[in-house]
Amino acid sequence: MKLKSLGLLTTLALSATLASAQQGVSKTEVTLGSIQDLSGPLAGFGKQARLGMMLRVDEINEQGGINGRKLKLIVEDSGYDPKKAVLAAQKLVNQDKIFMMVGHIGTAQNLAAMPVQFEKNVINFFPITAAREMYEPFHKLKYSFAATYFDQMRNAVPKVTKEKAAKKVCTLYQDDEFGLEVFRGAEAGLKTIGMEFAEKTTYKRGATDFSSQVSKLQASGCDLVVLGTIIRETIGAIGTAKKMGYNPIFLGSSAAYTDLIHKLGGPAMNGLYATSTVQNPYTDDASPAISFWAKKYQTKFSEDPTVFSVYGYNIIDTFAKAAGKSGANLSTETFIKAMDTMTVPPDIFGSAEATFSPTKRLGSDASRLSQITDGKWKAVSAYFK
């Protein structure tokens, strides 16, 4: 009887130990997962975000890791397809046993994948999308870092409308959760100055022809067009307008704030406004710190960084700060406790201060206006909230 009792106690103790083991955390390693678009319409963004994350992971590991643990980053491709994002999340969470999902790109993709993560107590950390759903409704496993598309446009659209004395404001936006957030924020902003959209038109995700939409905007006589577009849609819409001899003011969200716009779109992109939350890192930047970082990135990957490289880099950097603060017993619970008292100061890339608490899961709601001038993004306003 005593031997049976001892065996039972041993089994129970082993089961308790296994149950308390933190997924994705071993004595020597922390496994992180990320889902990027590496083959679809946002492949340019996804590649740069991945490289930015890799740069910071390598730096951390070269310095000995976090409390003695090296970081392992596993990246899966969603092709910017929500269904593929679910499959990628299932692999990362259930097969690779990741500790945390970091920097997952895309609004619809995050919304599709989060239930898979939350079922296994896996935090969705700093997704690369500025949708409000990334921190609302409140969930203990949600953390977001960027001012929302809604707030960006709610503040920027009335500001630009008044400064440029625009008489008719129109919008072209992607027909999904991302585009709707840009539209709703802009609509709310216009209401604050007693205006509404004179014309609205949409496009399906992945569209390449914008002639009918642009013709509709031109026929309405709009002098300011709010774009709920990303890379090729921004370039395609503006390029089509230029060919038609239509030259309104174009204003996009932070989704259009990337050097890929002016590199791929050329001089036709000059004059485009967009909201931004960090500064694009040019290798010849006036800031020595940004220039040094950009050249380091360029040396490692043989290409120039973009703002999405910065997003990826900063996501891993903030994770590392919170994980370090969590102590040797890193777990979902200790990480949450550390994050909920975090203040992230402004960095070399010009980001605003970010703060978190048990009830505040969006780091900062500040954004500012930038404009493409002579083939480069330049900040043209202070941060506004």
Protein backbone atom coordinates (compact mmCIF):
# COMPACT_ATOMS: atom_id res chain seq x y z
CA MET A 1 0.00 0.00 0.00
CA LYS A 2 2.80 2.35 0.91
CA LEU A 3 4.57 1.68 -2.41
CA LYS A 4 1.33 2.27 -4.32
CA SER A 5 0.74 5.51 -2.42
CA LEU A 6 4.30 6.64 -3.08
CA GLY A 7 3.93 5.86 -6.77
CA LEU A 8 0.68 7.81 -6.93
CA LEU A 9 2.24 10.80 -5.20
CA THR A 10 5.22 10.69 -7.59
CA THR A 11 2.87 10.57 -10.59
CA LEU A 12 0.83 13.49 -9.27
CA ALA A 13 3.96 15.52 -8.57
CA LEU A 14 5.27 14.87 -12.09
CA SER A 15 1.91 15.81 -13.60
CA ALA A 16 1.86 19.05 -11.60
CA THR A 17 5.38 19.90 -12.76
CA LEU A 18 4.48 19.27 -16.39
CA ALA A 19 1.26 21.26 -16.05
CA SER A 20 3.11 24.20 -14.58
CA ALA A 21 5.82 24.16 -17.30
CA GLN A 22 5.56 27.24 -19.47
CA GLN A 23 5.06 26.55 -23.17
CA GLY A 24 7.89 27.98 -25.26
CA VAL A 25 10.27 28.54 -22.35
CA SER A 26 13.13 26.16 -21.49
CA LYS A 27 16.21 26.64 -19.33
CA THR A 28 18.18 27.87 -22.34
CA GLU A 29 15.65 29.21 -24.86
CA VAL A 30 12.49 31.24 -25.44
CA THR A 31 10.58 30.41 -28.63
CA LEU A 32 8.70 33.23 -30.32
CA GLY A 33 6.42 33.01 -33.34
CA SER A 34 5.45 35.54 -35.97
CA ILE A 35 3.14 35.44 -38.98
CA GLN A 36 4.13 37.67 -41.88
CA ASP A 37 3.03 38.16 -45.46
CA LEU A 38 6.05 36.83 -47.36
CA SER A 39 4.31 35.98 -50.63
CA GLY A 40 1.20 38.19 -50.97
CA PRO A 41 0.40 41.88 -51.51
CA LEU A 42 2.22 42.95 -48.32
CA ALA A 43 5.31 40.82 -48.93
CA GLY A 44 7.45 43.97 -48.97
CA PHE A 45 6.27 44.86 -45.47
CA GLY A 46 6.46 41.29 -44.19
CA LYS A 47 10.03 40.77 -45.33
CA GLN A 48 11.23 43.99 -43.74
CA ALA A 49 9.42 43.31 -40.45
CA ARG A 50 10.98 39.84 -40.34
CA LEU A 51 14.48 41.20 -40.97
CA GLY A 52 14.04 43.89 -38.32
CA MET A 53 13.03 41.24 -35.79
CA MET A 54 15.94 39.02 -36.80
CA LEU A 55 18.41 41.87 -36.31
CA ARG A 56 17.31 42.48 -32.73
CA VAL A 57 17.10 38.74 -31.95
CA ASP A 58 20.68 38.29 -33.17
CA GLU A 59 21.87 41.26 -31.10
CA ILE A 60 20.20 39.92 -27.96
CA ASN A 61 21.60 36.42 -28.46
CA GLU A 62 25.09 37.77 -29.10
CA GLN A 63 24.83 39.54 -25.75
CA GLY A 64 23.92 36.33 -23.92
CA GLY A 65 20.14 36.34 -24.27
CA ILE A 66 17.56 37.27 -21.63
CA ASN A 67 18.25 35.99 -18.12
CA GLY A 68 20.42 33.29 -19.65
CA ARG A 69 17.94 32.27 -22.37
CA LYS A 70 18.54 32.75 -26.09
CA LEU A 71 15.67 33.78 -28.36
CA LYS A 72 14.41 31.54 -31.15
CA LEU A 73 12.15 33.18 -33.74
CA ILE A 74 9.96 31.09 -36.05
CA VAL A 75 8.24 32.98 -38.88
CA GLU A 76 5.36 31.62 -40.96
CA ASP A 77 3.86 33.03 -44.16
CA SER A 78 0.16 33.93 -44.37
CA GLY A 79 0.22 35.42 -47.87
CA TYR A 80 -2.04 38.10 -46.30
CA ASP A 81 -4.84 35.52 -46.24
CA PRO A 82 -6.81 35.14 -42.97
CA LYS A 83 -7.40 31.43 -43.62
CA LYS A 84 -3.68 30.81 -44.04
CA ALA A 85 -3.04 32.90 -40.92
CA VAL A 86 -5.19 30.47 -38.92
CA LEU A 87 -3.20 27.50 -40.25
CA ALA A 88 0.06 29.30 -39.47
CA ALA A 89 -1.14 30.07 -35.94
CA GLN A 90 -2.15 26.46 -35.38
CA LYS A 91 1.31 25.29 -36.41
CA LEU A 92 3.15 27.84 -34.28
CA VAL A 93 0.98 27.36 -31.19
CA ASN A 94 0.34 23.62 -31.28
CA GLN A 95 3.41 22.19 -33.03
CA ASP A 96 6.21 24.69 -32.43
CA LYS A 97 4.86 25.45 -28.94
CA ILE A 98 5.69 29.17 -29.08
CA PHE A 99 5.71 31.26 -25.94
CA MET A 100 4.32 34.33 -27.65
CA MET A 101 3.09 35.63 -31.02
CA VAL A 102 5.03 38.77 -31.93
CA GLY A 103 4.48 41.30 -34.70
CA HIS A 104 1.79 39.39 -36.63
CA ILE A 105 0.97 41.53 -39.67
CA GLY A 106 -2.53 42.35 -40.87
CA THR A 107 -5.86 43.22 -39.25
CA ALA A 108 -8.07 40.43 -40.63
CA GLN A 109 -5.21 37.96 -40.18
CA ASN A 110 -4.78 38.78 -36.49
CA LEU A 111 -8.50 38.59 -35.84
CA ALA A 112 -8.58 35.15 -37.42
CA ALA A 113 -5.54 33.84 -35.54
CA MET A 114 -6.12 35.22 -32.04
CA PRO A 115 -8.68 32.58 -30.94
CA VAL A 116 -6.12 29.86 -31.70
CA GLN A 117 -3.57 31.62 -29.50
CA PHE A 118 -5.88 32.57 -26.66
CA GLU A 119 -7.09 28.99 -26.27
CA LYS A 120 -3.49 28.07 -25.34
CA ASN A 121 -2.80 31.23 -23.27
CA VAL A 122 -0.44 32.68 -25.90
CA ILE A 123 -0.10 36.48 -25.86
CA ASN A 124 -0.67 38.48 -29.06
CA PHE A 125 2.18 40.96 -28.68
CA PHE A 126 2.43 44.16 -30.72
CA PRO A 127 0.70 43.06 -33.94
CA ILE A 128 1.69 45.10 -36.99
CA THR A 129 -1.69 46.65 -37.55
CA ALA A 130 -3.23 49.71 -36.00
CA ALA A 131 -6.78 48.37 -35.70
CA ARG A 132 -8.63 49.01 -32.44
CA GLU A 133 -9.46 45.30 -32.16
CA MET A 134 -5.81 44.67 -31.31
CA TYR A 135 -6.50 45.93 -27.79
CA GLU A 136 -10.31 46.21 -27.67
CA PRO A 137 -12.31 44.68 -26.19
CA PHE A 138 -9.94 44.20 -23.29
CA HIS A 139 -8.23 40.82 -23.07
CA LYS A 140 -5.31 40.02 -20.81
CA LEU A 141 -3.43 38.49 -23.78
CA LYS A 142 -3.62 41.58 -26.02
CA TYR A 143 -0.88 44.23 -26.27
CA SER A 144 -0.72 46.86 -29.01
CA PHE A 145 1.86 49.57 -29.66
CA ALA A 146 0.68 51.87 -32.45
CA ALA A 147 -1.86 54.67 -32.57
CA THR A 148 -4.93 53.19 -34.22
CA TYR A 149 -5.90 53.89 -37.81
CA PHE A 150 -9.10 55.32 -36.40
CA ASP A 151 -7.33 57.85 -34.18
CA GLN A 152 -4.69 58.64 -36.79
CA MET A 153 -7.32 59.65 -39.33
CA ARG A 154 -9.69 61.20 -36.80
CA ASN A 155 -6.93 63.69 -35.98
CA ALA A 156 -5.18 64.06 -39.34
CA VAL A 157 -8.10 64.47 -41.72
CA PRO A 158 -9.61 67.63 -40.17
CA LYS A 159 -6.10 69.07 -39.72
CA VAL A 160 -5.19 68.64 -43.40
CA THR A 161 -8.67 69.66 -44.57
CA LYS A 162 -8.41 72.98 -42.73
CA GLU A 163 -4.77 73.66 -43.57
CA LYS A 164 -5.32 73.00 -47.28
CA ALA A 165 -8.77 74.64 -47.33
CA ALA A 166 -10.23 71.53 -48.95
CA LYS A 167 -13.82 71.93 -50.10
CA LYS A 168 -14.68 68.32 -50.97
CA VAL A 169 -13.19 65.34 -49.17
CA CYS A 170 -13.52 61.85 -50.64
CA THR A 171 -12.15 58.42 -49.77
CA LEU A 172 -10.88 55.28 -51.47
CA TYR A 173 -10.40 52.36 -49.12
CA GLN A 174 -9.83 48.63 -49.00
CA ASP A 175 -13.04 46.69 -48.49
CA ASP A 176 -12.04 44.92 -45.27
CA GLU A 177 -11.43 45.56 -41.57
CA PHE A 178 -8.33 47.64 -42.26
CA GLY A 179 -9.97 49.92 -44.81
CA LEU A 180 -13.07 50.35 -42.67
CA GLU A 181 -10.97 51.57 -39.72
CA VAL A 182 -9.37 54.25 -41.91
CA PHE A 183 -12.77 55.24 -43.27
CA ARG A 184 -14.46 55.40 -39.87
CA GLY A 185 -11.67 57.46 -38.33
CA ALA A 186 -11.71 59.93 -41.20
CA GLU A 187 -15.50 60.14 -41.09
CA ALA A 188 -15.38 60.89 -37.35
CA GLY A 189 -12.73 63.55 -37.91
CA LEU A 190 -14.75 65.29 -40.60
CA LYS A 191 -17.76 65.45 -38.30
CA THR A 192 -15.73 67.53 -35.83
CA ILE A 193 -15.47 70.28 -38.46
CA GLY A 194 -19.02 69.94 -39.75
CA MET A 195 -18.17 68.04 -42.94
CA GLU A 196 -18.82 64.63 -44.42
CA PHE A 197 -17.43 62.66 -47.36
CA ALA A 198 -18.55 63.96 -50.74
CA GLU A 199 -17.83 60.57 -52.32
CA LYS A 200 -16.83 57.08 -51.16
CA THR A 201 -15.44 54.18 -53.17
CA THR A 202 -13.81 50.86 -52.29
CA TYR A 203 -11.69 48.09 -53.82
CA LYS A 204 -11.23 44.40 -53.03
CA ARG A 205 -8.05 43.21 -51.33
CA GLY A 206 -5.45 42.43 -54.01
CA ALA A 207 -6.94 44.73 -56.68
CA THR A 208 -4.58 46.19 -59.29
CA ASP A 209 -6.89 48.34 -61.44
CA PHE A 210 -8.23 51.56 -59.89
CA SER A 211 -9.40 53.40 -63.00
CA SER A 212 -13.13 53.19 -62.20
CA GLN A 213 -12.65 54.30 -58.60
CA VAL A 214 -10.39 57.21 -59.53
CA SER A 215 -12.79 58.28 -62.30
CA LYS A 216 -15.58 58.37 -59.74
CA LEU A 217 -13.53 60.58 -57.41
CA GLN A 218 -12.50 62.89 -60.24
CA ALA A 219 -16.10 63.26 -61.40
CA SER A 220 -17.08 64.31 -57.87
CA GLY A 221 -14.53 67.13 -57.92
CA CYS A 222 -12.82 66.04 -54.71
CA ASP A 223 -9.74 68.05 -53.79
CA LEU A 224 -8.68 65.84 -50.84
CA VAL A 225 -8.71 62.04 -51.07
CA VAL A 226 -8.28 59.92 -47.95
CA LEU A 227 -6.61 56.62 -48.81
CA GLY A 228 -7.31 53.42 -46.91
CA THR A 229 -4.63 51.77 -49.04
CA ILE A 230 -1.34 49.97 -48.46
CA ILE A 231 1.65 49.68 -50.89
CA ARG A 232 0.70 48.85 -54.44
CA GLU A 233 -2.84 50.20 -53.99
CA THR A 234 -1.46 53.59 -52.93
CA ILE A 235 0.92 53.64 -55.89
CA GLY A 236 -1.75 52.37 -58.26
CA ALA A 237 -4.40 54.88 -57.20
CA ILE A 238 -2.10 57.90 -57.29
CA GLY A 239 -0.43 56.77 -60.53
CA THR A 240 -3.84 56.33 -62.17
CA ALA A 241 -4.94 59.78 -61.01
CA LYS A 242 -1.80 61.42 -62.42
CA LYS A 243 -2.37 59.75 -65.80
CA MET A 244 -5.93 61.11 -65.82
CA GLY A 245 -4.69 64.60 -65.04
CA TYR A 246 -6.35 64.48 -61.63
CA ASN A 247 -4.22 66.01 -58.86
CA PRO A 248 -6.00 66.19 -55.51
CA ILE A 249 -4.21 66.08 -52.15
CA PHE A 250 -3.74 62.45 -51.12
CA LEU A 251 -3.65 61.49 -47.44
CA GLY A 252 -2.95 57.94 -46.26
CA SER A 253 -2.57 56.20 -42.92
CA SER A 254 0.59 54.70 -41.42
CA ALA A 255 -0.07 51.65 -43.62
CA ALA A 256 1.11 53.79 -46.55
CA TYR A 257 4.09 55.23 -44.67
CA THR A 258 6.96 53.24 -46.16
CA ASP A 259 9.86 54.07 -48.45
CA LEU A 260 8.56 51.39 -50.83
CA ILE A 261 5.96 53.95 -51.91
CA HIS A 262 8.46 56.42 -53.35
CA LYS A 263 10.99 53.77 -54.39
CA LEU A 264 8.43 51.84 -56.44
CA GLY A 265 6.13 54.71 -57.38
CA GLY A 266 8.79 57.24 -58.32
CA PRO A 267 8.33 61.02 -58.61
CA ALA A 268 4.54 60.68 -58.98
CA MET A 269 4.40 59.95 -55.24
CA ASN A 270 5.84 63.33 -54.26
CA GLY A 271 3.31 65.30 -52.22
CA LEU A 272 1.59 62.31 -50.64
CA TYR A 273 0.78 62.80 -46.96
CA ALA A 274 0.55 59.95 -44.46
CA THR A 275 0.31 59.56 -40.73
CA SER A 276 3.27 57.95 -38.97
CA THR A 277 4.33 56.81 -35.52
CA VAL A 278 8.09 56.37 -36.09
CA GLN A 279 10.59 57.78 -38.54
CA ASN A 280 11.66 55.94 -41.68
CA PRO A 281 15.38 55.08 -41.33
CA TYR A 282 17.41 56.43 -44.25
CA THR A 283 21.11 55.54 -44.38
CA ASP A 284 21.99 59.20 -44.91
CA ASP A 285 19.65 60.45 -42.20
CA ALA A 286 20.65 63.63 -40.41
CA SER A 287 20.44 61.73 -37.13
CA PRO A 288 23.78 59.91 -36.53
CA ALA A 289 22.02 57.24 -34.45
CA ILE A 290 19.49 56.39 -37.17
CA SER A 291 22.18 56.52 -39.86
CA PHE A 292 24.40 54.12 -37.86
CA TRP A 293 21.52 51.71 -37.28
CA ALA A 294 20.45 51.83 -40.94
CA LYS A 295 23.98 51.11 -42.17
CA LYS A 296 24.27 48.21 -39.72
CA TYR A 297 21.03 46.75 -41.11
CA GLN A 298 22.21 47.36 -44.67
CA THR A 299 25.49 45.57 -43.99
CA LYS A 300 23.75 42.54 -42.49
CA PHE A 301 20.99 42.12 -45.07
CA SER A 302 22.40 43.86 -48.18
CA GLU A 303 19.39 46.15 -48.50
CA ASP A 304 18.05 49.35 -47.01
CA PRO A 305 15.73 49.20 -44.00
CA THR A 306 12.22 50.63 -43.99
CA VAL A 307 9.86 51.73 -41.27
CA PHE A 308 8.62 48.14 -41.09
CA SER A 309 12.16 47.06 -40.25
CA VAL A 310 11.93 49.49 -37.34
CA TYR A 311 8.58 48.03 -36.26
CA GLY A 312 10.08 44.54 -36.20
CA TYR A 313 13.19 45.68 -34.36
CA ASN A 314 11.27 47.63 -31.72
CA ILE A 315 8.76 44.82 -31.15
CA ILE A 316 11.54 42.41 -30.18
CA ASP A 317 13.32 45.11 -28.20
CA THR A 318 10.24 45.83 -26.07
CA PHE A 319 9.58 42.13 -25.63
CA ALA A 320 13.15 41.72 -24.38
CA LYS A 321 12.77 44.57 -21.88
CA ALA A 322 9.59 43.08 -20.41
CA ALA A 323 10.94 39.51 -20.44
CA GLY A 324 14.08 40.70 -18.66
CA LYS A 325 11.94 42.46 -16.08
CA SER A 326 9.95 39.24 -15.60
CA GLY A 327 12.96 37.57 -14.00
CA ALA A 328 14.26 34.03 -14.23
CA ASN A 329 10.78 32.45 -13.91
CA LEU A 330 9.48 33.70 -17.26
CA SER A 331 5.83 32.79 -17.83
CA THR A 332 2.74 34.32 -19.36
CA GLU A 333 1.72 35.58 -15.92
CA THR A 334 5.11 37.08 -14.97
CA PHE A 335 5.37 38.71 -18.40
CA ILE A 336 1.93 40.30 -18.05
CA LYS A 337 2.87 41.58 -14.59
CA ALA A 338 6.03 43.16 -16.00
CA MET A 339 4.31 44.67 -19.05
CA ASP A 340 1.55 46.20 -16.97
CA THR A 341 4.08 48.48 -15.25
CA MET A 342 6.13 49.26 -18.38
CA THR A 343 7.05 52.68 -19.69
CA VAL A 344 8.91 52.64 -23.01
CA PRO A 345 10.72 55.95 -23.56
CA PRO A 346 11.02 57.63 -26.99
CA ASP A 347 13.69 55.95 -29.11
CA ILE A 348 16.14 57.01 -31.82
CA PHE A 349 13.42 56.59 -34.45
CA GLY A 350 11.31 59.38 -32.97
CA SER A 351 8.51 57.29 -31.52
CA ALA A 352 6.36 58.73 -28.76
CA GLU A 353 6.56 57.42 -25.18
CA ALA A 354 4.50 54.28 -24.59
CA THR A 355 2.94 53.25 -21.28
CA PHE A 356 1.02 50.16 -20.20
CA SER A 357 -1.07 49.20 -17.19
CA PRO A 358 -3.48 46.45 -16.10
CA THR A 359 -6.23 48.41 -17.87
CA LYS A 360 -4.24 50.11 -20.67
CA ARG A 361 -3.05 47.82 -23.46
CA LEU A 362 -2.34 50.41 -26.18
CA GLY A 363 1.11 51.88 -25.67
CA SER A 364 0.51 55.23 -27.37
CA ASP A 365 -2.25 56.94 -29.33
CA ALA A 366 0.07 59.63 -30.75
CA SER A 367 0.78 60.05 -34.47
CA ARG A 368 2.06 62.80 -36.74
CA LEU A 369 1.96 63.84 -40.38
CA SER A 370 4.72 63.15 -42.86
CA GLN A 371 4.99 63.96 -46.56
CA ILE A 372 7.04 62.64 -49.46
CA THR A 373 9.25 65.48 -50.65
CA ASP A 374 11.99 64.95 -53.24
CA GLY A 375 11.61 61.20 -52.92
CA LYS A 376 11.82 60.96 -49.13
CA TRP A 377 9.44 60.99 -46.20
CA LYS A 378 9.78 64.08 -44.03
CA ALA A 379 7.87 64.81 -40.83
CA VAL A 380 5.70 67.91 -41.26
CA SER A 381 3.95 68.09 -37.88
CA ALA A 382 4.48 67.41 -34.20
CA TYR A 383 2.75 64.43 -32.58
CA PHE A 384 -0.97 64.88 -32.04
CA LYS A 385 -3.47 62.81 -30.05
